[in-house]
Amino acid sequence: MNDRMCIMKSDFDLSVDIGGVKIKNPIITASGTFGYGEEYAPFLDLNALGAIVVKGLSLEPRMGNPPPRIIETASGMLNAIGLQNVGVHAFIEDKLPFLRTFDVPVIANILGDNAEDYQRIAELLNDATGLHGLEVNISCPNVSKGGIAFGSHPEMAMDVVKRVKSVTALPVIVKLTPNVTDVALIAEAVEAAGANAVSLINTITGMSIDIEKRVPHLKNIIGGLSGPAIKPVALRMVWQVANRVSIPVIGIGGIMDANDALEFLIAGATAVQIGTANFINPQASIHILKGIIAFMDRQQIRSVHDLIGTLQC
């Protein structure tokens, strides 16, 4: 019996609604760690997932940063891939047809150098068959504003969301950067601008040094830290945001097993995204889902909604 059949035969209600994206269970693959789905298809049944978030899409293809651009760190990894991707047009023509053959919602992560880029990409994807939602990455630098990240300022974040919402009927999830003083303030701003949900956290800025050569390990010098090292920070931010907004929250950051995922759900996340764990074990998402079901069985919990936001402080 395959993974999907095992999960479908369970007596538990695992379904959740992410701002209009209805998914069969709360396990989503994180952008940048699962390619465009086809890379992982030989290793697990994509139909068993709650949803797939594809690698971030820009208006035109990007080559990304020069290597070295990944380095393992204590309990995590730093990456400076540079948002390498095929571009929105190639995604629609070459990648989306494959994903349409599966019974799993597909969410496109989008990024831009300016607010107009986000708007144009959203407009193009709005007419794409087989897409169920957009995840707007506002951790990107705004080139017209001196490289300041869109997600660092409420006004810029709101502008991007309003532009995207003006051209698409798809649910809009906004992916928040942790590299701010008050992440909940940004969450409130994008909610006010019309976001249907938020996801957090994106990677934390960091660096690593080769002490023998006295040079950075990454050609880009700095990169984004992910993996177990950031989980306590991500969990805290998810809890804070879930208590400040009324839209669904997706938890991301260092989720390696079912216990990690359960912490995020209890803290208030409606769903979780699995990222770095995919690099270690291509079947991590399925193992985490099975672990959640086993926990619910042990605790005699029939619906995942009886777990979400149940933290007692």
Foldseek 3Di string as FASTA:
>chain_A
DFLQVVVVPDLFQQWDQALNQTFRHQEEADAPFCALVPVLVVPHPPQNGRAYEHHEAWQAFDQFDDDPAWDADVQWIFGRRRSGDHHLVCCLVPRQVVVQVYPHAYEYEYEYLALVRLLVSLLVCQPRPRHAAYEYEQQFFNVVVVGDGLQADLVSLLSSLLSSVVRHPHQYEYEHEPPYDARLVNLVSSVVSPHQEYEDDWFDKDWAADVVVRHTNGPVRIGGIAAQVCLVVQLVNLLVNLVRDDHAYEGEGHDQALVSQLSSQLSAHSHYHDHPNCVVPVCRSSRNVVVVSVVCVVVVNRYSVVRGNNDDD
